[in-house]
Protein backbone atom coordinates (compact mmCIF):
# COMPACT_ATOMS: atom_id res chain seq x y z
CA MET A 1 80.16 102.01 84.09
CA LYS A 2 82.70 99.38 84.78
CA ARG A 3 81.15 96.58 87.23
CA VAL A 4 82.91 94.68 89.68
CA LEU A 5 81.37 91.50 91.66
CA ILE A 6 82.10 91.77 95.13
CA ILE A 7 81.83 88.16 96.94
CA THR A 8 81.16 88.51 100.78
CA TYR A 9 79.69 86.49 103.41
CA TYR A 10 78.80 89.52 105.54
CA TRP A 11 75.76 91.79 104.11
CA PRO A 12 73.21 93.31 106.04
CA PRO A 13 71.23 92.44 108.06
CA SER A 14 74.47 91.63 109.70
CA GLY A 15 75.68 93.42 112.06
CA GLY A 16 78.98 93.89 113.53
CA ILE A 17 82.13 95.39 112.14
CA ALA A 18 82.94 93.15 109.59
CA VAL A 19 79.97 94.16 107.27
CA LEU A 20 81.30 97.37 107.10
CA ARG A 21 83.94 96.79 104.62
CA CYS A 22 82.30 95.59 101.56
CA LEU A 23 79.22 97.95 102.54
CA LYS A 24 81.10 101.06 102.46
CA PHE A 25 83.19 99.77 99.24
CA ALA A 26 79.37 99.28 97.66
CA LYS A 27 78.11 102.54 99.05
CA TYR A 28 80.98 104.87 97.35
CA LEU A 29 82.14 102.84 94.26
CA ARG A 30 79.68 104.29 92.03
CA ARG A 31 81.22 107.83 92.51
CA TYR A 32 84.38 106.44 90.73
CA GLY A 33 83.17 104.69 87.78
CA TRP A 34 82.43 101.22 89.24
CA GLU A 35 78.88 99.52 89.73
CA PRO A 36 79.18 96.94 92.33
CA VAL A 37 77.22 93.73 92.30
CA ILE A 38 76.96 91.80 95.57
CA PHE A 39 77.12 87.83 95.85
CA THR A 40 76.30 87.00 99.49
CA ALA A 41 74.97 84.24 101.80
CA GLU A 42 71.33 83.83 102.24
CA ASN A 43 70.03 83.12 105.80
CA ALA A 44 73.60 83.19 107.25
CA HIS A 45 74.23 82.50 110.91
CA TYR A 46 75.58 86.29 111.64
CA PRO A 47 76.98 86.74 114.94
CA THR A 48 74.61 90.06 115.43
CA PHE A 49 71.87 91.61 113.36
CA ASP A 50 71.44 95.29 112.80
CA ALA A 51 68.63 96.60 110.62
CA SER A 52 70.10 100.07 110.52
CA ASN A 53 73.07 98.94 108.04
CA GLU A 54 70.39 98.92 105.28
CA LYS A 55 70.56 102.50 104.83
CA ASP A 56 74.01 102.27 103.34
CA VAL A 57 72.87 99.98 100.83
CA PRO A 58 72.86 101.83 97.28
CA ALA A 59 69.49 102.25 95.71
CA ASP A 60 69.12 99.48 92.73
CA LEU A 61 71.92 97.47 93.98
CA GLU A 62 72.01 94.07 92.44
CA VAL A 63 72.32 91.61 95.28
CA ILE A 64 72.73 87.71 94.72
CA ARG A 65 72.24 85.46 97.76
CA GLN A 66 73.26 81.67 97.53
CA PRO A 67 71.91 79.51 100.16
CA ILE A 68 74.55 78.45 102.93
CA TRP A 69 74.49 75.71 105.60
CA GLU A 70 76.75 76.39 108.68
CA PRO A 71 77.83 74.01 111.38
CA TYR A 72 76.81 76.35 114.43
CA ALA A 73 73.30 75.09 114.88
CA TRP A 74 74.76 71.34 115.13
CA TYR A 75 77.64 72.68 117.61
CA LYS A 76 74.96 74.11 119.74
CA LYS A 77 72.87 71.25 120.17
CA PHE A 78 76.04 68.89 120.61
CA MET A 79 77.18 71.44 123.36
CA GLY A 80 73.56 71.52 124.89
CA LYS A 81 73.84 75.52 124.34
CA PRO A 82 70.87 77.75 123.90
CA ALA A 83 69.75 77.92 120.18
CA ASP A 84 70.08 81.65 120.23
CA GLU A 85 73.49 81.69 122.04
CA ASN A 86 76.26 83.51 119.78
CA VAL A 87 79.20 80.93 119.21
CA ASN A 88 80.76 82.40 116.33
CA ASN A 89 83.67 83.78 118.25
CA VAL A 90 84.44 80.43 119.72
CA PHE A 91 88.29 81.16 119.25
CA TYR A 92 88.33 84.59 120.71
CA THR A 93 86.33 83.71 123.85
CA ASP A 94 87.41 80.68 125.49
CA GLU A 95 85.16 77.93 126.66
CA ALA A 96 85.23 77.90 130.37
CA ALA A 97 84.46 74.43 130.92
CA GLY A 98 83.95 73.17 127.21
CA GLY A 99 85.54 69.53 128.04
CA TRP A 100 85.97 66.82 125.45
CA LYS A 101 82.99 67.82 123.47
CA HIS A 102 84.30 71.10 122.63
CA GLU A 103 87.73 69.80 122.06
CA LEU A 104 86.27 67.29 119.57
CA ALA A 105 84.00 70.22 117.97
CA VAL A 106 87.13 72.24 117.21
CA TRP A 107 88.87 69.36 115.93
CA VAL A 108 85.85 68.67 113.32
CA ARG A 109 85.99 72.40 112.43
CA SER A 110 89.49 72.61 112.07
CA ASN A 111 90.02 69.67 109.68
CA PHE A 112 86.83 68.89 107.95
CA PHE A 113 85.45 72.82 107.33
CA ILE A 114 88.62 74.15 105.41
CA PRO A 115 89.24 77.26 105.08
CA ASP A 116 86.53 78.05 107.81
CA ALA A 117 82.95 76.98 108.97
CA ARG A 118 81.49 78.11 105.73
CA ALA A 119 83.46 75.77 103.40
CA THR A 120 80.20 74.10 102.32
CA TRP A 121 79.20 77.40 100.72
CA ILE A 122 82.23 77.27 98.25
CA LYS A 123 80.97 74.57 95.59
CA GLY A 124 77.30 75.85 95.08
CA SER A 125 78.81 79.63 95.01
CA VAL A 126 81.19 78.80 92.23
CA LYS A 127 78.59 77.28 90.10
CA ARG A 128 76.08 80.10 90.83
CA ILE A 129 78.59 82.74 89.88
CA LEU A 130 79.71 81.00 86.66
CA ASP A 131 75.98 80.29 85.37
CA TYR A 132 75.35 84.55 86.28
CA LEU A 133 78.75 85.50 84.55
CA LYS A 134 77.70 83.77 81.33
CA THR A 135 74.96 86.19 80.79
CA ASN A 136 76.09 88.98 82.90
CA PRO A 137 79.60 90.05 82.48
CA VAL A 138 81.63 92.08 84.89
CA ASN A 139 85.23 93.76 84.55
CA ALA A 140 86.60 92.42 87.95
CA ILE A 141 86.05 90.50 90.79
CA LEU A 142 86.54 91.50 94.68
CA SER A 143 86.59 89.29 97.35
CA ASP A 144 86.97 89.91 101.01
CA GLY A 145 87.91 87.56 103.98
CA PRO A 146 87.77 86.12 106.25
CA PRO A 147 85.80 84.09 106.01
CA HIS A 148 88.25 82.86 103.73
CA SER A 149 85.56 80.86 101.76
CA ASN A 150 84.99 83.81 99.84
CA THR A 151 88.83 83.89 99.08
CA ARG A 152 88.51 80.22 97.83
CA ILE A 153 85.38 81.00 95.89
CA ALA A 154 87.11 83.88 94.14
CA THR A 155 90.36 81.92 93.34
CA LEU A 156 88.23 79.12 91.51
CA VAL A 157 86.02 81.71 89.59
CA SER A 158 89.15 83.76 88.50
CA LYS A 159 90.92 80.52 87.51
CA ALA A 160 87.62 79.42 85.77
CA THR A 161 86.96 82.60 83.55
CA GLY A 162 90.30 84.55 83.79
CA LEU A 163 88.74 87.60 85.21
CA PRO A 164 90.98 90.12 87.17
CA TRP A 165 90.79 89.45 90.96
CA LEU A 166 91.44 91.89 93.81
CA ALA A 167 91.94 89.75 96.81
CA ASP A 168 90.93 91.78 99.85
CA PHE A 169 91.98 90.49 103.63
CA GLN A 170 90.36 92.13 106.82
CA ASP A 171 92.49 89.37 108.47
CA PRO A 172 95.38 86.91 107.20
CA TRP A 173 94.53 83.54 106.41
CA THR A 174 97.35 81.25 107.97
CA GLN A 175 98.75 84.18 109.76
CA VAL A 176 95.61 85.29 111.81
CA ASP A 177 95.95 85.18 115.60
CA TYR A 178 93.50 82.18 115.99
CA TYR A 179 95.04 79.89 113.43
CA GLN A 180 97.33 78.49 116.04
CA LEU A 181 94.28 77.59 118.05
CA LEU A 182 92.78 75.01 115.33
CA ASN A 183 93.53 71.67 116.18
CA LEU A 184 94.93 70.67 112.64
CA THR A 185 96.11 67.37 111.42
CA GLY A 186 99.22 67.36 109.01
CA TRP A 187 96.76 67.23 105.94
CA GLY A 188 94.59 69.64 107.32
CA ARG A 189 97.36 72.30 107.66
CA GLN A 190 98.62 71.28 104.08
CA LYS A 191 95.27 72.10 102.45
CA HIS A 192 95.10 75.40 104.25
CA GLU A 193 98.41 76.38 102.86
CA ARG A 194 97.93 74.97 99.33
CA GLN A 195 94.17 76.83 99.09
CA GLU A 196 96.15 80.00 100.37
CA GLN A 197 99.07 79.58 97.90
CA ALA A 198 96.68 79.19 94.96
CA ALA A 199 95.22 82.53 96.05
CA PHE A 200 98.28 84.31 95.93
CA ARG A 201 99.15 83.00 92.54
CA GLN A 202 95.60 83.83 91.00
CA ALA A 203 94.99 87.32 92.60
CA SER A 204 95.92 90.23 90.43
CA LEU A 205 96.40 92.34 93.29
CA THR A 206 95.88 91.77 97.19
CA THR A 207 95.02 94.57 99.77
CA ILE A 208 95.30 94.07 103.57
CA VAL A 209 94.63 96.43 106.38
CA SER A 210 97.99 97.47 107.64
CA PRO A 211 101.62 97.98 106.76
CA HIS A 212 103.01 95.06 109.01
CA TRP A 213 100.64 92.68 107.76
CA LYS A 214 101.50 93.66 104.19
CA ARG A 215 104.61 92.59 104.89
CA ASP A 216 104.05 89.39 106.48
CA LEU A 217 101.79 88.15 103.43
CA GLU A 218 104.60 89.12 101.13
CA ALA A 219 107.07 87.02 103.19
CA ILE A 220 104.95 83.83 102.50
CA GLY A 221 104.60 84.43 98.79
CA ALA A 222 101.73 87.13 98.01
CA ASN A 223 102.39 89.61 95.19
CA ASN A 224 101.49 92.92 94.24
CA VAL A 225 100.13 93.75 97.84
CA ARG A 226 98.84 97.26 98.75
CA VAL A 227 97.54 98.54 102.17
CA LEU A 228 93.74 99.54 102.22
CA TYR A 229 92.87 100.61 105.93
CA TRP A 230 89.52 99.97 107.44
CA GLY A 231 88.24 103.83 107.68
CA TYR A 232 85.31 105.75 108.74
CA ASP A 233 82.23 107.05 107.33
CA PRO A 234 81.80 110.85 107.70
CA GLU A 235 77.99 110.44 107.26
CA ASP A 236 77.89 108.06 110.18
CA PHE A 237 78.95 110.78 112.59
CA GLU A 238 77.21 114.02 111.05
CA ASP A 239 74.25 113.98 113.48
CA LEU A 240 75.90 113.00 116.50
CA GLU A 241 75.60 115.48 119.45
CA ARG A 242 77.83 114.41 122.62
CA GLN A 243 75.99 114.00 125.85
CA PRO A 244 78.76 113.26 128.15
CA HIS A 245 78.15 110.39 130.82
CA GLN A 246 77.62 111.60 134.27
CA LYS A 247 80.23 109.09 135.28
CA PHE A 248 83.75 109.21 134.14
CA THR A 249 83.63 106.72 131.56
CA LEU A 250 86.07 104.40 129.97
CA THR A 251 84.37 102.14 127.40
CA HIS A 252 85.33 99.42 125.19
CA LEU A 253 83.36 98.08 122.30
CA GLY A 254 83.57 94.66 120.71
CA ILE A 255 84.86 91.35 121.60
CA MET A 256 86.99 91.26 124.78
CA GLY A 257 88.92 87.87 124.55
CA TYR A 258 91.38 86.14 126.54
CA ASP A 259 94.24 87.54 124.85
CA ARG A 260 93.13 91.03 125.39
CA ASN A 261 92.97 90.76 129.10
CA PRO A 262 94.42 94.19 130.31
CA GLU A 263 95.40 93.30 133.85
CA VAL A 264 97.95 96.41 133.87
CA LEU A 265 94.73 98.41 133.33
CA PHE A 266 92.64 96.72 136.19
CA ARG A 267 95.56 97.27 138.56
CA ALA A 268 95.64 100.88 137.82
CA ILE A 269 92.10 101.50 138.22
CA GLN A 270 92.53 99.76 141.63
CA GLN A 271 95.53 101.69 142.54
CA LEU A 272 93.35 105.21 141.85
CA LYS A 273 90.53 103.73 143.68
CA GLN A 274 92.87 103.90 146.92
CA GLU A 275 94.65 106.94 146.20
CA GLU A 276 92.50 109.58 144.41
CA PRO A 277 89.62 110.86 146.49
CA GLY A 278 86.31 110.20 144.92
CA PHE A 279 87.62 108.29 141.79
CA ALA A 280 85.91 105.07 143.08
CA GLU A 281 82.47 106.66 143.00
CA ASP A 282 83.03 108.61 139.90
CA PHE A 283 84.40 105.95 137.56
CA GLU A 284 82.61 103.67 135.41
CA LEU A 285 84.30 100.85 132.76
CA ARG A 286 81.68 100.11 130.19
CA LEU A 287 81.97 96.95 128.32
CA TYR A 288 79.90 96.25 125.06
CA GLY A 289 80.23 92.91 123.44
CA GLN A 290 81.18 89.57 124.29
CA VAL A 291 83.47 89.42 127.47
CA ASP A 292 85.86 86.37 127.88
CA HIS A 293 85.10 84.67 131.47
CA ARG A 294 89.05 85.05 131.97
CA VAL A 295 88.63 88.86 131.64
CA ARG A 296 85.69 88.71 134.15
CA ALA A 297 87.65 86.84 136.51
CA SER A 298 90.38 89.46 136.35
CA ILE A 299 87.79 92.35 136.95
CA GLU A 300 86.66 90.58 140.03
CA ALA A 301 90.25 89.85 141.25
CA TYR A 302 91.03 93.25 141.30
CA ASP A 303 87.65 94.48 142.99
CA LEU A 304 86.25 96.47 139.96
CA LEU A 305 82.93 94.67 139.69
CA GLU A 306 81.24 97.66 141.09
CA GLN A 307 82.85 100.09 138.80
CA THR A 308 82.21 97.77 135.60
CA ASN A 309 79.02 97.89 133.27
CA PHE A 310 78.73 94.69 131.17
CA ALA A 311 76.63 96.59 128.88
CA GLY A 312 75.86 93.56 126.30
CA THR A 313 75.40 94.19 122.78
CA VAL A 314 74.01 97.40 121.12
CA THR A 315 73.13 98.47 117.46
CA ARG A 316 76.02 100.23 115.63
CA ALA A 317 74.10 103.56 116.07
CA GLU A 318 74.04 103.06 119.51
CA ALA A 319 77.54 102.19 119.72
CA LEU A 320 78.61 105.05 117.92
CA GLN A 321 76.58 107.51 120.31
CA GLU A 322 78.41 105.42 123.41
CA MET A 323 81.63 106.27 121.86
CA LYS A 324 80.84 109.94 121.72
CA ASN A 325 79.53 110.27 124.83
CA SER A 326 82.34 108.73 126.69
CA HIS A 327 85.43 110.51 128.21
CA LEU A 328 87.97 107.85 127.04
CA LEU A 329 88.00 104.89 124.74
CA LEU A 330 89.65 101.54 125.02
CA LEU A 331 91.50 99.92 122.36
CA LEU A 332 92.92 96.50 122.93
CA LEU A 333 95.28 94.48 120.74
CA ASN A 334 95.45 91.01 120.71
CA GLN A 335 98.37 89.50 122.68
CA GLN A 336 99.24 87.39 119.55
CA GLU A 337 102.40 87.22 117.46
CA ASN A 338 100.82 89.21 114.49
CA ALA A 339 99.64 92.07 117.07
CA LEU A 340 101.89 94.79 115.36
CA GLY A 341 99.93 94.80 112.33
CA ARG A 342 96.57 94.33 113.64
CA VAL A 343 94.40 97.48 112.99
CA PRO A 344 90.98 96.92 114.30
CA GLY A 345 87.92 98.65 112.40
CA LYS A 346 86.78 100.55 115.61
CA LEU A 347 90.28 102.54 115.66
CA PHE A 348 88.87 104.51 112.85
CA GLU A 349 85.35 105.11 114.61
CA TYR A 350 87.12 106.05 117.76
CA LEU A 351 89.04 108.64 115.64
CA ALA A 352 85.78 109.95 114.00
CA VAL A 353 84.08 110.85 117.44
CA ARG A 354 87.01 112.56 118.36
CA ARG A 355 87.36 111.18 121.98
CA PRO A 356 90.84 110.39 123.56
CA ILE A 357 92.03 106.89 123.15
CA MET A 358 93.96 104.37 125.52
CA ASN A 359 95.37 101.65 123.60
CA PHE A 360 97.03 98.65 124.97
CA GLY A 361 99.33 96.45 122.52
CA PRO A 362 102.95 96.66 121.38
CA VAL A 363 104.24 100.33 121.32
CA GLU A 364 105.96 99.64 118.18
CA SER A 365 102.80 98.38 116.41
CA ASP A 366 100.86 100.10 113.27
CA VAL A 367 97.91 101.18 115.61
CA ALA A 368 100.44 102.80 118.10
CA ALA A 369 101.86 104.88 115.40
CA MET A 370 98.80 105.83 113.80
CA ILE A 371 97.42 106.99 117.47
CA GLU A 372 100.57 109.15 117.66
CA GLU A 373 100.42 110.32 114.19
CA THR A 374 96.84 111.82 114.64
CA GLU A 375 97.29 112.91 118.18
CA SER A 376 94.34 110.86 119.43
CA GLY A 377 95.81 109.40 122.59
CA SER A 378 98.40 107.18 124.29
CA SER A 379 99.64 103.64 123.93
CA PHE A 380 100.79 101.23 126.63
CA GLY A 381 102.18 97.71 126.48
CA TYR A 382 100.54 94.92 128.57
CA ASP A 383 103.67 94.49 130.48
CA PHE A 384 103.88 98.39 131.61
CA LEU A 385 103.86 99.43 135.26
CA PRO A 386 100.39 100.24 136.39
CA ALA A 387 101.80 103.61 137.67
CA LEU A 388 102.28 104.65 134.34
CA VAL A 389 98.73 103.72 133.26
CA ALA A 390 97.29 105.29 136.40
CA LYS A 391 99.10 108.73 135.70
CA GLN A 392 97.42 108.96 132.13
CA LEU A 393 93.95 107.83 133.57
CA LYS A 394 94.60 110.54 136.37
CA GLU A 395 95.31 113.23 133.66
CA HIS A 396 92.06 112.37 131.94
CA TYR A 397 90.16 112.52 135.39
CA ALA A 398 91.29 115.82 135.95
CA VAL A 399 89.81 117.01 132.71
CA TYR A 400 86.44 115.38 133.89
CA LYS A 401 86.61 117.26 137.17
CA GLY A 402 87.59 120.48 135.26
CA ARG A 403 90.76 120.85 136.92
CA ARG A 404 92.69 121.00 133.66
CA SER A 405 91.80 121.65 130.24
CA ALA A 406 91.37 118.98 127.44
CA GLY A 407 94.52 118.55 124.85
CA LYS A 408 94.14 118.42 121.06
CA THR A 409 92.99 115.31 119.80
CA ASN A 410 92.44 113.45 116.63
CA ALA A 411 93.88 115.64 113.91
CA ASN A 412 94.53 114.61 110.30
CA ILE A 413 92.14 111.79 109.97
CA LYS A 414 90.34 112.76 106.90
CA GLN A 415 92.84 110.42 104.89
CA TYR A 416 90.86 107.48 106.66
CA SER A 417 87.56 108.48 105.25
CA HIS A 418 85.65 106.10 103.30
CA PRO A 419 85.20 108.53 100.54
CA GLN A 420 89.13 108.65 100.39
CA LEU A 421 89.49 105.06 100.81
CA VAL A 422 87.07 103.87 98.13
CA ARG A 423 88.81 106.37 95.80
CA LYS A 424 92.03 104.59 96.22
CA LEU A 425 90.29 101.25 95.90
CA SER A 426 88.82 102.38 92.77
CA THR A 427 92.22 103.05 91.06
CA PHE A 428 93.17 99.31 92.23
CA LEU A 429 90.23 97.65 90.18
CA ASP A 430 91.28 100.35 86.99
CA GLU A 431 94.81 98.96 87.26
CA ILE A 432 93.67 95.26 87.26
CA ALA A 433 90.78 95.57 84.70
CA ALA A 434 93.30 97.71 82.26
């Protein structure tokens, strides 16, 4: 069996969506003739932890853990934050009153931790991998970024050994939405771009999660780029039994950042509260995960606090059950230039639980096209009239009240299952290893 070294920062006990990319790769690669070997961080500062992910780790999998130092503990002490507060998502959930300390910390992070906050992990990881490979040969390398410290490690290892390398991108590097929020000096920006171009030159093949982002990467010099979607694991949904919430529930799971503030939705809900008898008492908006202070302010401004449940963080198993139990699922794309290609991993889990989706973002986006193709819901622009959103909500509310039957949803989704996608990944690995 051929062997592939997978370089990933996220690995169990990490929770969240990012860990699932390489975890599901590793789970299914053996089916297609590839033995995964995992290189990951020891004692990483993960945003969330979830022990339930351990069930997907293949038996007898070799996992190499390299110690890592990350600046988050320093940042929290500098900012006077609690030691257990999650600050990994500082660019998604804006600081309400960060002041000069926050600005200084962002400047230091932007210019001295390149490509990201795990930059100090690169040098030791390259040495550890090169030493390992002397006595433990592999046929190919696969890295997953961000964090693009993984990408940088793989660049240097592939260059030193000549091993074929598949560079996987969950998000772009200099084209990622929060890149513009980095307080970069000229030399800092040049260093990002040099390292990114070095990765493009060294990679044998590059995969990314959407067609628009594939074209974006090719436009700045990436070669041999293929689309490899996120996907869903059918085994995660086999035992889920739907127990509908008592209230008419619209649920969002994940980060609700300041650039995902769906004011048009809030206005539509406010309108229905006034116009539709019983709606105010029946409706609940459930928000799982971090919610930016600006989003909270909008919810309060539209008088929706009584209908909103800030449900906090839950395990992955609980999140999937909440998706299944909800009447509607909310998907929000960032209001950023690269939103056309953003395909969140949770979209595929939304598809797998077969609940209707309300998507907000560009109507010409890859997500909107996939929702239309799979007949899984509706897409709205953030600048749409609230009446259009209210009309759609009212139709789903009528289903909840039993006044009309539910339509067909979520057809043609098997192509997005992890077994199918990892089969595709294995052909890419076969190609570069040949």
